[in-house]
């Protein structure tokens, strides 16, 4: 039964007529810049949703039923989201879908979310999803997140369409893997030699006592 309701919501929510076009929702990223320490390593980019006091409010009696966002970055960028498993939706949503495609020089990562009972609490930023970027080469990748278009993406129980009108931006930078400084390597080596010497001295001392 739940599957039928989820399918119904996914099909019908984008068709709901908006009672108000006032934008009361804001998309944001958890940081404005991210660093990946070496090619092949990763970093997590989180997308949050909050609301402003103006316009229809998400709350009890006007719960948020759907959310659809699109993360965009250069296809040949230094860092990429490569597969659907790199995207983790917030488990508070009942159903989700992930699609990765290319549009010319850009890669588009779509995340769609549906709630059967609705999300009523936006008193603090709500996590929509986490996107894991993997370093491909040294350099920077510009990342942006916006509402999924065309169509309505953020719809409430009263039929309000509260699609955010602005995009959130950040930069993911891949840098060379950190190499210990020579002084640190020397100190580590000395520490090892001292430790080994101490153990040898202790064994010789015990051996000498046993011979008496």
C-alpha atoms as a PDB file:
ATOM      1  CA  UNK A   1       0.000   0.000   0.000  1.00  0.00           C
ATOM      2  CA  UNK A   2       2.813   2.397   0.866  1.00  0.00           C
ATOM      3  CA  UNK A   3       4.398   1.792  -2.539  1.00  0.00           C
ATOM      4  CA  UNK A   4       1.143   2.762  -4.220  1.00  0.00           C
ATOM      5  CA  UNK A   5       0.906   5.954  -2.158  1.00  0.00           C
ATOM      6  CA  UNK A   6       4.522   6.847  -2.886  1.00  0.00           C
ATOM      7  CA  UNK A   7       4.024   6.321  -6.621  1.00  0.00           C
ATOM      8  CA  UNK A   8       0.860   8.418  -6.475  1.00  0.00           C
ATOM      9  CA  UNK A   9       2.652  11.284  -4.753  1.00  0.00           C
ATOM     10  CA  UNK A  10       5.596  11.186  -7.145  1.00  0.00           C
ATOM     11  CA  UNK A  11       3.252  11.383 -10.152  1.00  0.00           C
ATOM     12  CA  UNK A  12       0.730  13.897  -8.817  1.00  0.00           C
ATOM     13  CA  UNK A  13       2.749  16.337  -6.717  1.00  0.00           C
ATOM     14  CA  UNK A  14       4.407  18.094  -9.691  1.00  0.00           C
ATOM     15  CA  UNK A  15       0.910  18.622 -11.141  1.00  0.00           C
ATOM     16  CA  UNK A  16      -0.511  20.393  -8.085  1.00  0.00           C
ATOM     17  CA  UNK A  17      -1.473  23.999  -8.851  1.00  0.00           C
ATOM     18  CA  UNK A  18       0.381  26.541  -6.741  1.00  0.00           C
ATOM     19  CA  UNK A  19      -1.721  28.616  -4.360  1.00  0.00           C
ATOM     20  CA  UNK A  20       1.201  30.972  -3.892  1.00  0.00           C
ATOM     21  CA  UNK A  21       4.483  31.480  -5.680  1.00  0.00           C
ATOM     22  CA  UNK A  22       6.133  33.239  -2.723  1.00  0.00           C
ATOM     23  CA  UNK A  23       9.569  31.760  -2.118  1.00  0.00           C
ATOM     24  CA  UNK A  24       9.934  30.952   1.584  1.00  0.00           C
ATOM     25  CA  UNK A  25      12.580  28.256   1.257  1.00  0.00           C
ATOM     26  CA  UNK A  26      16.362  28.561   1.009  1.00  0.00           C
ATOM     27  CA  UNK A  27      18.880  25.996  -0.200  1.00  0.00           C
ATOM     28  CA  UNK A  28      22.346  26.021   1.336  1.00  0.00           C
ATOM     29  CA  UNK A  29      25.528  23.957   1.505  1.00  0.00           C
ATOM     30  CA  UNK A  30      27.243  23.132   4.778  1.00  0.00           C
ATOM     31  CA  UNK A  31      30.431  24.893   3.583  1.00  0.00           C
ATOM     32  CA  UNK A  32      31.507  27.379   0.947  1.00  0.00           C
ATOM     33  CA  UNK A  33      34.691  25.428   0.185  1.00  0.00           C
ATOM     34  CA  UNK A  34      35.862  21.835   0.539  1.00  0.00           C
ATOM     35  CA  UNK A  35      39.312  20.268   0.289  1.00  0.00           C
ATOM     36  CA  UNK A  36      40.207  16.762  -0.867  1.00  0.00           C
ATOM     37  CA  UNK A  37      43.651  15.684   0.276  1.00  0.00           C
ATOM     38  CA  UNK A  38      44.961  13.780  -2.741  1.00  0.00           C
ATOM     39  CA  UNK A  39      43.535  12.211  -5.897  1.00  0.00           C
ATOM     40  CA  UNK A  40      41.285   9.258  -5.091  1.00  0.00           C
ATOM     41  CA  UNK A  41      40.232  10.616  -1.712  1.00  0.00           C
ATOM     42  CA  UNK A  42      36.790  12.022  -0.961  1.00  0.00           C
ATOM     43  CA  UNK A  43      34.842  14.763   0.757  1.00  0.00           C
ATOM     44  CA  UNK A  44      31.151  15.031   1.653  1.00  0.00           C
ATOM     45  CA  UNK A  45      28.999  17.952   0.517  1.00  0.00           C
ATOM     46  CA  UNK A  46      25.737  18.360   2.421  1.00  0.00           C
ATOM     47  CA  UNK A  47      22.665  20.216   1.151  1.00  0.00           C
ATOM     48  CA  UNK A  48      20.290  21.841   3.645  1.00  0.00           C
ATOM     49  CA  UNK A  49      16.855  23.432   3.434  1.00  0.00           C
ATOM     50  CA  UNK A  50      15.597  26.271   5.635  1.00  0.00           C
ATOM     51  CA  UNK A  51      12.785  28.822   5.418  1.00  0.00           C
ATOM     52  CA  UNK A  52      12.374  32.556   5.803  1.00  0.00           C
ATOM     53  CA  UNK A  53       9.528  34.241   7.707  1.00  0.00           C
ATOM     54  CA  UNK A  54       7.855  35.503   4.522  1.00  0.00           C
ATOM     55  CA  UNK A  55       5.398  33.580   2.386  1.00  0.00           C
ATOM     56  CA  UNK A  56       3.526  30.368   3.258  1.00  0.00           C
ATOM     57  CA  UNK A  57       5.181  28.523   6.115  1.00  0.00           C
ATOM     58  CA  UNK A  58       6.052  24.843   6.324  1.00  0.00           C
ATOM     59  CA  UNK A  59       4.639  23.591   9.620  1.00  0.00           C
ATOM     60  CA  UNK A  60       1.894  21.587  11.265  1.00  0.00           C
ATOM     61  CA  UNK A  61      -1.064  21.574   8.881  1.00  0.00           C
ATOM     62  CA  UNK A  62       1.072  22.615   5.917  1.00  0.00           C
ATOM     63  CA  UNK A  63       3.770  19.967   5.860  1.00  0.00           C
ATOM     64  CA  UNK A  64       6.366  19.719   3.090  1.00  0.00           C
ATOM     65  CA  UNK A  65       5.562  16.705   0.906  1.00  0.00           C
ATOM     66  CA  UNK A  66       8.281  16.782  -1.737  1.00  0.00           C
ATOM     67  CA  UNK A  67      11.755  18.137  -2.408  1.00  0.00           C
ATOM     68  CA  UNK A  68      13.788  17.855  -5.596  1.00  0.00           C
ATOM     69  CA  UNK A  69      17.241  19.343  -6.075  1.00  0.00           C
ATOM     70  CA  UNK A  70      19.943  19.272  -8.718  1.00  0.00           C
ATOM     71  CA  UNK A  71      23.663  19.442  -7.971  1.00  0.00           C
ATOM     72  CA  UNK A  72      25.729  20.718 -10.917  1.00  0.00           C
ATOM     73  CA  UNK A  73      29.491  20.668 -11.573  1.00  0.00           C
ATOM     74  CA  UNK A  74      31.873  20.503 -14.530  1.00  0.00           C
ATOM     75  CA  UNK A  75      31.961  17.032 -16.057  1.00  0.00           C
ATOM     76  CA  UNK A  76      35.736  17.249 -16.515  1.00  0.00           C
ATOM     77  CA  UNK A  77      36.263  18.859 -13.114  1.00  0.00           C
ATOM     78  CA  UNK A  78      38.873  17.956 -10.539  1.00  0.00           C
ATOM     79  CA  UNK A  79      36.248  16.288  -8.330  1.00  0.00           C
ATOM     80  CA  UNK A  80      33.120  14.373  -9.287  1.00  0.00           C
ATOM     81  CA  UNK A  81      30.100  12.488  -7.977  1.00  0.00           C
ATOM     82  CA  UNK A  82      30.356   9.376 -10.105  1.00  0.00           C
ATOM     83  CA  UNK A  83      27.611   6.922  -9.123  1.00  0.00           C
ATOM     84  CA  UNK A  84      24.216   6.989  -7.430  1.00  0.00           C
ATOM     85  CA  UNK A  85      25.636   5.352  -4.311  1.00  0.00           C
ATOM     86  CA  UNK A  86      27.695   8.537  -3.781  1.00  0.00           C
ATOM     87  CA  UNK A  87      24.403  10.256  -2.879  1.00  0.00           C
ATOM     88  CA  UNK A  88      22.744   9.587   0.487  1.00  0.00           C
ATOM     89  CA  UNK A  89      19.302  11.126   1.126  1.00  0.00           C
ATOM     90  CA  UNK A  90      18.228  12.117   4.613  1.00  0.00           C
ATOM     91  CA  UNK A  91      16.396   9.023   5.966  1.00  0.00           C
ATOM     92  CA  UNK A  92      13.537  11.178   7.357  1.00  0.00           C
ATOM     93  CA  UNK A  93      12.061  11.085   3.834  1.00  0.00           C
ATOM     94  CA  UNK A  94      10.003   8.012   2.922  1.00  0.00           C
ATOM     95  CA  UNK A  95      11.147   7.670  -0.682  1.00  0.00           C
ATOM     96  CA  UNK A  96      13.951   9.013  -2.840  1.00  0.00           C
ATOM     97  CA  UNK A  97      15.493   8.726  -6.280  1.00  0.00           C
ATOM     98  CA  UNK A  98      18.906   9.640  -7.678  1.00  0.00           C
ATOM     99  CA  UNK A  99      19.815  10.256 -11.296  1.00  0.00           C
ATOM    100  CA  UNK A 100      23.189  11.301 -12.739  1.00  0.00           C
ATOM    101  CA  UNK A 101      23.374  12.700 -16.272  1.00  0.00           C
ATOM    102  CA  UNK A 102      25.434  15.048 -18.417  1.00  0.00           C
ATOM    103  CA  UNK A 103      24.361  18.227 -20.142  1.00  0.00           C
ATOM    104  CA  UNK A 104      27.145  19.396 -22.400  1.00  0.00           C
ATOM    105  CA  UNK A 105      30.116  20.237 -20.190  1.00  0.00           C
ATOM    106  CA  UNK A 106      28.179  19.818 -16.936  1.00  0.00           C
ATOM    107  CA  UNK A 107      27.241  16.820 -14.821  1.00  0.00           C
ATOM    108  CA  UNK A 108      23.785  16.956 -13.238  1.00  0.00           C
ATOM    109  CA  UNK A 109      23.007  14.961 -10.091  1.00  0.00           C
ATOM    110  CA  UNK A 110      19.274  14.908  -9.346  1.00  0.00           C
ATOM    111  CA  UNK A 111      17.889  13.967  -5.931  1.00  0.00           C
ATOM    112  CA  UNK A 112      14.116  13.620  -5.505  1.00  0.00           C
ATOM    113  CA  UNK A 113      12.518  13.173  -2.080  1.00  0.00           C
ATOM    114  CA  UNK A 114       8.951  12.324  -1.035  1.00  0.00           C
ATOM    115  CA  UNK A 115       7.367  12.240   2.435  1.00  0.00           C
ATOM    116  CA  UNK A 116       4.091  10.404   3.024  1.00  0.00           C
ATOM    117  CA  UNK A 117       3.152  12.247   6.224  1.00  0.00           C
ATOM    118  CA  UNK A 118       5.050  15.411   5.385  1.00  0.00           C
ATOM    119  CA  UNK A 119       7.898  17.326   6.994  1.00  0.00           C
ATOM    120  CA  UNK A 120       6.496  19.823   9.516  1.00  0.00           C
ATOM    121  CA  UNK A 121       9.604  21.135  11.293  1.00  0.00           C
ATOM    122  CA  UNK A 122      11.958  23.580   9.584  1.00  0.00           C
ATOM    123  CA  UNK A 123      12.888  25.429  12.775  1.00  0.00           C
ATOM    124  CA  UNK A 124      16.478  24.415  12.031  1.00  0.00           C
ATOM    125  CA  UNK A 125      18.023  23.629   8.616  1.00  0.00           C
ATOM    126  CA  UNK A 126      16.822  20.279   7.285  1.00  0.00           C
ATOM    127  CA  UNK A 127      19.393  17.989   5.675  1.00  0.00           C
ATOM    128  CA  UNK A 128      18.202  16.943   2.221  1.00  0.00           C
ATOM    129  CA  UNK A 129      21.142  14.807   1.146  1.00  0.00           C
ATOM    130  CA  UNK A 130      24.868  14.178   1.218  1.00  0.00           C
ATOM    131  CA  UNK A 131      26.943  14.071  -1.982  1.00  0.00           C
ATOM    132  CA  UNK A 132      30.378  12.413  -1.875  1.00  0.00           C
ATOM    133  CA  UNK A 133      32.935  13.921  -4.266  1.00  0.00           C
ATOM    134  CA  UNK A 134      36.037  11.946  -5.279  1.00  0.00           C
ATOM    135  CA  UNK A 135      39.219  13.699  -6.351  1.00  0.00           C
ATOM    136  CA  UNK A 136      40.117  13.035  -9.999  1.00  0.00           C
ATOM    137  CA  UNK A 137      42.957  15.515 -10.542  1.00  0.00           C
ATOM    138  CA  UNK A 138      44.547  18.489  -8.839  1.00  0.00           C
ATOM    139  CA  UNK A 139      42.533  21.680  -9.116  1.00  0.00           C
ATOM    140  CA  UNK A 140      39.138  23.101  -8.251  1.00  0.00           C
ATOM    141  CA  UNK A 141      35.559  22.231  -9.173  1.00  0.00           C
ATOM    142  CA  UNK A 142      32.698  24.734  -8.872  1.00  0.00           C
ATOM    143  CA  UNK A 143      29.566  23.150  -7.411  1.00  0.00           C
ATOM    144  CA  UNK A 144      26.052  24.586  -7.295  1.00  0.00           C
ATOM    145  CA  UNK A 145      22.711  23.287  -6.077  1.00  0.00           C
ATOM    146  CA  UNK A 146      19.269  24.536  -7.098  1.00  0.00           C
ATOM    147  CA  UNK A 147      15.695  23.362  -7.350  1.00  0.00           C
ATOM    148  CA  UNK A 148      15.044  20.728 -10.002  1.00  0.00           C
ATOM    149  CA  UNK A 149      13.426  22.175 -13.110  1.00  0.00           C
ATOM    150  CA  UNK A 150      11.189  22.189 -15.057  1.00  0.00           C
ATOM    151  CA  UNK A 151       8.153  21.753 -12.851  1.00  0.00           C
ATOM    152  CA  UNK A 152       7.471  22.269  -9.168  1.00  0.00           C
ATOM    153  CA  UNK A 153       9.861  20.613  -6.741  1.00  0.00           C
ATOM    154  CA  UNK A 154       8.899  21.785  -3.227  1.00  0.00           C
ATOM    155  CA  UNK A 155       5.185  21.301  -2.534  1.00  0.00           C
ATOM    156  CA  UNK A 156       3.278  21.436   0.741  1.00  0.00           C
ATOM    157  CA  UNK A 157       0.127  19.714   1.973  1.00  0.00           C
ATOM    158  CA  UNK A 158      -1.941  22.818   1.150  1.00  0.00           C
ATOM    159  CA  UNK A 159      -0.651  22.881  -2.410  1.00  0.00           C
ATOM    160  CA  UNK A 160       1.845  25.702  -1.940  1.00  0.00           C
ATOM    161  CA  UNK A 161       4.816  25.635  -4.290  1.00  0.00           C
ATOM    162  CA  UNK A 162       7.788  27.038  -2.384  1.00  0.00           C
ATOM    163  CA  UNK A 163      10.592  26.425  -4.861  1.00  0.00           C
ATOM    164  CA  UNK A 164      13.792  28.283  -3.837  1.00  0.00           C
ATOM    165  CA  UNK A 165      14.717  30.876  -6.451  1.00  0.00           C
ATOM    166  CA  UNK A 166      18.470  31.080  -5.815  1.00  0.00           C
ATOM    167  CA  UNK A 167      21.296  28.564  -6.048  1.00  0.00           C
ATOM    168  CA  UNK A 168      23.929  27.780  -3.427  1.00  0.00           C
ATOM    169  CA  UNK A 169      27.561  27.633  -4.616  1.00  0.00           C
ATOM    170  CA  UNK A 170      30.830  26.173  -3.350  1.00  0.00           C
ATOM    171  CA  UNK A 171      34.261  25.062  -4.563  1.00  0.00           C
ATOM    172  CA  UNK A 172      35.754  21.595  -4.110  1.00  0.00           C
ATOM    173  CA  UNK A 173      39.556  21.718  -4.366  1.00  0.00           C
ATOM    174  CA  UNK A 174      41.815  18.694  -4.809  1.00  0.00           C
ATOM    175  CA  UNK A 175      45.313  19.240  -3.416  1.00  0.00           C
ATOM    176  CA  UNK A 176      48.442  17.096  -3.264  1.00  0.00           C
ATOM    177  CA  UNK A 177      48.418  14.465  -0.554  1.00  0.00           C
ATOM    178  CA  UNK A 178      50.209  15.733   2.541  1.00  0.00           C
ATOM    179  CA  UNK A 179      53.851  14.567   2.844  1.00  0.00           C
ATOM    180  CA  UNK A 180      55.493  14.670   6.299  1.00  0.00           C
ATOM    181  CA  UNK A 181      58.095  17.412   6.614  1.00  0.00           C
ATOM    182  CA  UNK A 182      61.743  16.234   6.833  1.00  0.00           C
ATOM    183  CA  UNK A 183      62.027  17.393  10.442  1.00  0.00           C
ATOM    184  CA  UNK A 184      59.003  15.329  11.420  1.00  0.00           C
ATOM    185  CA  UNK A 185      60.415  12.275   9.639  1.00  0.00           C
ATOM    186  CA  UNK A 186      63.776  12.702  11.408  1.00  0.00           C
ATOM    187  CA  UNK A 187      62.124  12.996  14.802  1.00  0.00           C
ATOM    188  CA  UNK A 188      60.040   9.905  14.141  1.00  0.00           C
ATOM    189  CA  UNK A 189      63.152   7.959  13.118  1.00  0.00           C
ATOM    190  CA  UNK A 190      65.048   9.118  16.212  1.00  0.00           C
ATOM    191  CA  UNK A 191      62.120   8.117  18.369  1.00  0.00           C
ATOM    192  CA  UNK A 192      62.186   4.648  16.872  1.00  0.00           C
ATOM    193  CA  UNK A 193      65.945   4.295  17.399  1.00  0.00           C
ATOM    194  CA  UNK A 194      65.714   5.462  21.018  1.00  0.00           C
ATOM    195  CA  UNK A 195      62.878   3.054  21.688  1.00  0.00           C
ATOM    196  CA  UNK A 196      64.754   0.155  20.114  1.00  0.00           C
ATOM    197  CA  UNK A 197      67.927   1.063  22.018  1.00  0.00           C
ATOM    198  CA  UNK A 198      66.049   1.258  25.289  1.00  0.00           C
ATOM    199  CA  UNK A 199      64.519  -2.166  24.777  1.00  0.00           C
ATOM    200  CA  UNK A 200      67.934  -3.647  23.962  1.00  0.00           C
ATOM    201  CA  UNK A 201      69.500  -2.081  27.086  1.00  0.00           C
ATOM    202  CA  UNK A 202      66.676  -3.414  29.251  1.00  0.00           C
ATOM    203  CA  UNK A 203      67.065  -6.940  27.860  1.00  0.00           C
ATOM    204  CA  UNK A 204      70.842  -6.861  28.429  1.00  0.00           C
ATOM    205  CA  UNK A 205      70.350  -5.628  31.983  1.00  0.00           C
ATOM    206  CA  UNK A 206      67.917  -8.412  32.782  1.00  0.00           C
ATOM    207  CA  UNK A 207      70.223 -10.956  31.167  1.00  0.00           C
ATOM    208  CA  UNK A 208      73.092  -9.697  33.359  1.00  0.00           C
ATOM    209  CA  UNK A 209      71.049 -10.073  36.519  1.00  0.00           C
ATOM    210  CA  UNK A 210      70.122 -13.623  35.571  1.00  0.00           C
ATOM    211  CA  UNK A 211      73.796 -14.572  35.191  1.00  0.00           C
ATOM    212  CA  UNK A 212      74.628 -13.630  38.801  1.00  0.00           C
END
